[in-house]
Amino acid sequence: MKVILTQDVKEVGKVGDLVMVSEGFARNFLFPRKMAAEATEKRVKEYTHLKQMAEAKKKKAFAERKATLEKINGTTLKFKMAAGESDKLFGTVTTTDISKELQKAGYSVDRRDILLQEPIKLLGQHKAAVKYGEGLEASIMISVERA
């Protein structure tokens, strides 16, 4: 029996897949748990359309992220913070601070997408990376000066 999966099913397939399963498995396991729907002609067309729409959204989001990263790449952010005599900061520059500074510059970047090699606790120049996954990455410079 052909069914369209509405949830990921281990060792069977992922959401939206059109798969062949035994009638008993479909009737006794998949249908009662609402993990699948019978693959009628109407449902197959509907899921195909939804898949195409999701793919188009994914491509658009990928293009937007790529454009954002191209603009961000090489950007230098400046922070003025209080520091002791040995150039050690009274606190740290966090990914949240970097995200807020990027927001002020007009870029919407989530703090979880910003990667620091180590916490920024000293004055000077530091590198950070913005990773969006799928091979998209940009590097930015963080300049920390004495307030």
C-alpha atoms as a PDB file:
ATOM      1  CA  MET A   1       0.000   0.000   0.000  1.00  0.00           C
ATOM      2  CA  LYS A   2       1.304   3.460  -0.875  1.00  0.00           C
ATOM      3  CA  VAL A   3       1.245   6.048   1.896  1.00  0.00           C
ATOM      4  CA  ILE A   4       2.486   9.593   2.367  1.00  0.00           C
ATOM      5  CA  LEU A   5       4.327  10.083   5.644  1.00  0.00           C
ATOM      6  CA  THR A   6       3.170  12.990   7.800  1.00  0.00           C
ATOM      7  CA  GLN A   7       5.962  12.418  10.373  1.00  0.00           C
ATOM      8  CA  ASP A   8       9.451  10.946  10.264  1.00  0.00           C
ATOM      9  CA  VAL A   9       9.231   7.185  10.768  1.00  0.00           C
ATOM     10  CA  LYS A  10      12.416   5.346  11.691  1.00  0.00           C
ATOM     11  CA  GLU A  11      13.622   2.962   8.958  1.00  0.00           C
ATOM     12  CA  VAL A  12      10.681   3.927   6.716  1.00  0.00           C
ATOM     13  CA  GLY A  13      11.168   7.536   5.576  1.00  0.00           C
ATOM     14  CA  LYS A  14      10.882  11.237   6.265  1.00  0.00           C
ATOM     15  CA  VAL A  15       7.944  13.667   6.219  1.00  0.00           C
ATOM     16  CA  GLY A  16       6.369  13.973   2.778  1.00  0.00           C
ATOM     17  CA  ASP A  17       7.915  10.773   1.391  1.00  0.00           C
ATOM     18  CA  LEU A  18       5.731   8.506  -0.731  1.00  0.00           C
ATOM     19  CA  VAL A  19       6.544   4.970   0.436  1.00  0.00           C
ATOM     20  CA  MET A  20       5.269   1.412  -0.036  1.00  0.00           C
ATOM     21  CA  VAL A  21       4.378  -0.364   3.215  1.00  0.00           C
ATOM     22  CA  SER A  22       2.332  -3.432   4.032  1.00  0.00           C
ATOM     23  CA  GLU A  23      -1.394  -2.910   4.542  1.00  0.00           C
ATOM     24  CA  GLY A  24      -1.253  -4.182   8.116  1.00  0.00           C
ATOM     25  CA  PHE A  25       1.600  -1.855   9.081  1.00  0.00           C
ATOM     26  CA  ALA A  26      -0.276   1.107   7.617  1.00  0.00           C
ATOM     27  CA  ARG A  27      -3.670   0.210   9.093  1.00  0.00           C
ATOM     28  CA  ASN A  28      -2.469  -0.889  12.544  1.00  0.00           C
ATOM     29  CA  PHE A  29       0.519   1.391  13.190  1.00  0.00           C
ATOM     30  CA  LEU A  30       0.834   4.405  10.875  1.00  0.00           C
ATOM     31  CA  PHE A  31      -2.804   5.486  10.478  1.00  0.00           C
ATOM     32  CA  PRO A  32      -3.850   5.300  14.181  1.00  0.00           C
ATOM     33  CA  ARG A  33      -0.781   7.321  15.198  1.00  0.00           C
ATOM     34  CA  LYS A  34      -1.419   9.802  12.353  1.00  0.00           C
ATOM     35  CA  MET A  35       2.090   9.186  11.014  1.00  0.00           C
ATOM     36  CA  ALA A  36       0.861   8.652   7.463  1.00  0.00           C
ATOM     37  CA  ALA A  37      -2.060   9.179   5.125  1.00  0.00           C
ATOM     38  CA  GLU A  38      -3.202   6.959   2.285  1.00  0.00           C
ATOM     39  CA  ALA A  39      -1.665   8.079  -0.990  1.00  0.00           C
ATOM     40  CA  THR A  40      -4.735   9.070  -2.983  1.00  0.00           C
ATOM     41  CA  GLU A  41      -4.254  11.034  -6.193  1.00  0.00           C
ATOM     42  CA  LYS A  42      -5.452  14.248  -4.545  1.00  0.00           C
ATOM     43  CA  ARG A  43      -3.099  13.892  -1.555  1.00  0.00           C
ATOM     44  CA  VAL A  44      -0.113  13.101  -3.763  1.00  0.00           C
ATOM     45  CA  LYS A  45      -0.725  16.306  -5.761  1.00  0.00           C
ATOM     46  CA  GLU A  46      -1.209  18.286  -2.548  1.00  0.00           C
ATOM     47  CA  TYR A  47       2.031  17.018  -0.969  1.00  0.00           C
ATOM     48  CA  THR A  48       3.941  17.556  -4.208  1.00  0.00           C
ATOM     49  CA  HIS A  49       2.735  21.157  -4.285  1.00  0.00           C
ATOM     50  CA  LEU A  50       3.633  21.691  -0.609  1.00  0.00           C
ATOM     51  CA  LYS A  51       7.103  20.219  -1.191  1.00  0.00           C
ATOM     52  CA  GLN A  52       7.678  22.578  -4.117  1.00  0.00           C
ATOM     53  CA  MET A  53       6.573  25.564  -2.015  1.00  0.00           C
ATOM     54  CA  ALA A  54       8.874  24.537   0.852  1.00  0.00           C
ATOM     55  CA  GLU A  55      11.778  24.098  -1.571  1.00  0.00           C
ATOM     56  CA  ALA A  56      11.176  27.568  -3.033  1.00  0.00           C
ATOM     57  CA  LYS A  57      11.134  29.113   0.473  1.00  0.00           C
ATOM     58  CA  LYS A  58      14.328  27.272   1.350  1.00  0.00           C
ATOM     59  CA  LYS A  59      16.100  28.565  -1.771  1.00  0.00           C
ATOM     60  CA  LYS A  60      14.944  32.118  -1.066  1.00  0.00           C
ATOM     61  CA  ALA A  61      16.145  31.959   2.553  1.00  0.00           C
ATOM     62  CA  PHE A  62      19.492  30.524   1.391  1.00  0.00           C
ATOM     63  CA  ALA A  63      19.940  33.388  -1.077  1.00  0.00           C
ATOM     64  CA  GLU A  64      19.075  35.983   1.607  1.00  0.00           C
ATOM     65  CA  ARG A  65      21.551  34.479   4.073  1.00  0.00           C
ATOM     66  CA  LYS A  66      24.252  34.344   1.426  1.00  0.00           C
ATOM     67  CA  ALA A  67      23.703  38.021   0.560  1.00  0.00           C
ATOM     68  CA  THR A  68      23.795  38.988   4.249  1.00  0.00           C
ATOM     69  CA  LEU A  69      27.051  37.108   4.797  1.00  0.00           C
ATOM     70  CA  GLU A  70      28.652  38.737   1.761  1.00  0.00           C
ATOM     71  CA  LYS A  71      27.831  42.159   3.246  1.00  0.00           C
ATOM     72  CA  ILE A  72      29.026  41.206   6.739  1.00  0.00           C
ATOM     73  CA  ASN A  73      32.293  39.566   5.625  1.00  0.00           C
ATOM     74  CA  GLY A  74      35.267  41.675   6.732  1.00  0.00           C
ATOM     75  CA  THR A  75      33.209  44.015   8.913  1.00  0.00           C
ATOM     76  CA  THR A  76      34.926  45.416  11.994  1.00  0.00           C
ATOM     77  CA  LEU A  77      32.883  45.986  15.142  1.00  0.00           C
ATOM     78  CA  LYS A  78      34.216  48.337  17.818  1.00  0.00           C
ATOM     79  CA  PHE A  79      33.568  47.946  21.511  1.00  0.00           C
ATOM     80  CA  LYS A  80      34.680  50.359  24.257  1.00  0.00           C
ATOM     81  CA  MET A  81      34.995  48.614  27.584  1.00  0.00           C
ATOM     82  CA  ALA A  82      36.618  49.247  30.938  1.00  0.00           C
ATOM     83  CA  ALA A  83      39.896  47.413  31.453  1.00  0.00           C
ATOM     84  CA  GLY A  84      42.570  47.030  34.096  1.00  0.00           C
ATOM     85  CA  GLU A  85      46.242  47.965  33.807  1.00  0.00           C
ATOM     86  CA  SER A  86      47.179  44.635  32.202  1.00  0.00           C
ATOM     87  CA  ASP A  87      44.644  45.226  29.355  1.00  0.00           C
ATOM     88  CA  LYS A  88      42.298  42.672  30.879  1.00  0.00           C
ATOM     89  CA  LEU A  89      38.614  43.564  30.539  1.00  0.00           C
ATOM     90  CA  PHE A  90      36.250  43.922  33.465  1.00  0.00           C
ATOM     91  CA  GLY A  91      33.867  41.422  31.849  1.00  0.00           C
ATOM     92  CA  THR A  92      33.796  39.884  28.372  1.00  0.00           C
ATOM     93  CA  VAL A  93      32.497  40.604  24.915  1.00  0.00           C
ATOM     94  CA  THR A  94      29.865  37.926  24.319  1.00  0.00           C
ATOM     95  CA  THR A  95      28.093  36.676  21.203  1.00  0.00           C
ATOM     96  CA  THR A  96      24.999  38.516  22.437  1.00  0.00           C
ATOM     97  CA  ASP A  97      26.951  41.806  22.459  1.00  0.00           C
ATOM     98  CA  ILE A  98      28.232  41.096  18.943  1.00  0.00           C
ATOM     99  CA  SER A  99      24.715  40.240  17.747  1.00  0.00           C
ATOM    100  CA  LYS A 100      23.350  43.515  19.174  1.00  0.00           C
ATOM    101  CA  GLU A 101      26.154  45.509  17.537  1.00  0.00           C
ATOM    102  CA  LEU A 102      25.459  43.821  14.184  1.00  0.00           C
ATOM    103  CA  GLN A 103      21.772  44.650  14.675  1.00  0.00           C
ATOM    104  CA  LYS A 104      22.702  48.327  15.085  1.00  0.00           C
ATOM    105  CA  ALA A 105      24.698  48.092  11.846  1.00  0.00           C
ATOM    106  CA  GLY A 106      21.599  46.770  10.063  1.00  0.00           C
ATOM    107  CA  TYR A 107      22.315  43.021   9.997  1.00  0.00           C
ATOM    108  CA  SER A 108      20.022  40.522  11.655  1.00  0.00           C
ATOM    109  CA  VAL A 109      22.260  37.763  13.025  1.00  0.00           C
ATOM    110  CA  ASP A 110      21.291  35.409  15.832  1.00  0.00           C
ATOM    111  CA  ARG A 111      23.825  35.057  18.644  1.00  0.00           C
ATOM    112  CA  ARG A 112      23.926  31.263  18.151  1.00  0.00           C
ATOM    113  CA  ASP A 113      25.260  31.762  14.614  1.00  0.00           C
ATOM    114  CA  ILE A 114      28.309  33.682  15.901  1.00  0.00           C
ATOM    115  CA  LEU A 115      31.340  31.601  16.817  1.00  0.00           C
ATOM    116  CA  LEU A 116      34.263  32.838  18.876  1.00  0.00           C
ATOM    117  CA  GLN A 117      37.536  30.925  19.047  1.00  0.00           C
ATOM    118  CA  GLU A 118      37.822  31.884  22.709  1.00  0.00           C
ATOM    119  CA  PRO A 119      36.039  34.338  25.019  1.00  0.00           C
ATOM    120  CA  ILE A 120      37.114  37.945  24.424  1.00  0.00           C
ATOM    121  CA  LYS A 121      38.651  39.122  27.705  1.00  0.00           C
ATOM    122  CA  LEU A 122      41.509  41.328  26.480  1.00  0.00           C
ATOM    123  CA  LEU A 123      41.812  44.630  24.639  1.00  0.00           C
ATOM    124  CA  GLY A 124      42.825  44.455  20.974  1.00  0.00           C
ATOM    125  CA  GLN A 125      41.751  42.791  17.739  1.00  0.00           C
ATOM    126  CA  HIS A 126      39.881  39.478  17.778  1.00  0.00           C
ATOM    127  CA  LYS A 127      38.303  37.308  15.068  1.00  0.00           C
ATOM    128  CA  ALA A 128      34.813  35.883  15.052  1.00  0.00           C
ATOM    129  CA  ALA A 129      32.926  33.825  12.491  1.00  0.00           C
ATOM    130  CA  VAL A 130      29.288  33.943  11.465  1.00  0.00           C
ATOM    131  CA  LYS A 131      28.150  30.487  10.338  1.00  0.00           C
ATOM    132  CA  TYR A 132      24.748  29.809   8.834  1.00  0.00           C
ATOM    133  CA  GLY A 133      25.381  26.161   8.001  1.00  0.00           C
ATOM    134  CA  GLU A 134      25.311  24.674   4.497  1.00  0.00           C
ATOM    135  CA  GLY A 135      28.845  25.996   3.984  1.00  0.00           C
ATOM    136  CA  LEU A 136      27.885  29.643   4.493  1.00  0.00           C
ATOM    137  CA  GLU A 137      30.433  31.472   6.607  1.00  0.00           C
ATOM    138  CA  ALA A 138      31.777  35.000   7.041  1.00  0.00           C
ATOM    139  CA  SER A 139      34.526  36.336   9.257  1.00  0.00           C
ATOM    140  CA  ILE A 140      34.319  39.582  11.196  1.00  0.00           C
ATOM    141  CA  MET A 141      36.835  41.498  13.285  1.00  0.00           C
ATOM    142  CA  ILE A 142      36.112  42.583  16.838  1.00  0.00           C
ATOM    143  CA  SER A 143      38.082  45.598  18.034  1.00  0.00           C
ATOM    144  CA  VAL A 144      38.032  46.154  21.790  1.00  0.00           C
ATOM    145  CA  GLU A 145      39.304  49.501  23.060  1.00  0.00           C
ATOM    146  CA  ARG A 146      39.667  51.036  26.492  1.00  0.00           C
ATOM    147  CA  ALA A 147      36.680  53.124  27.549  1.00  0.00           C
END
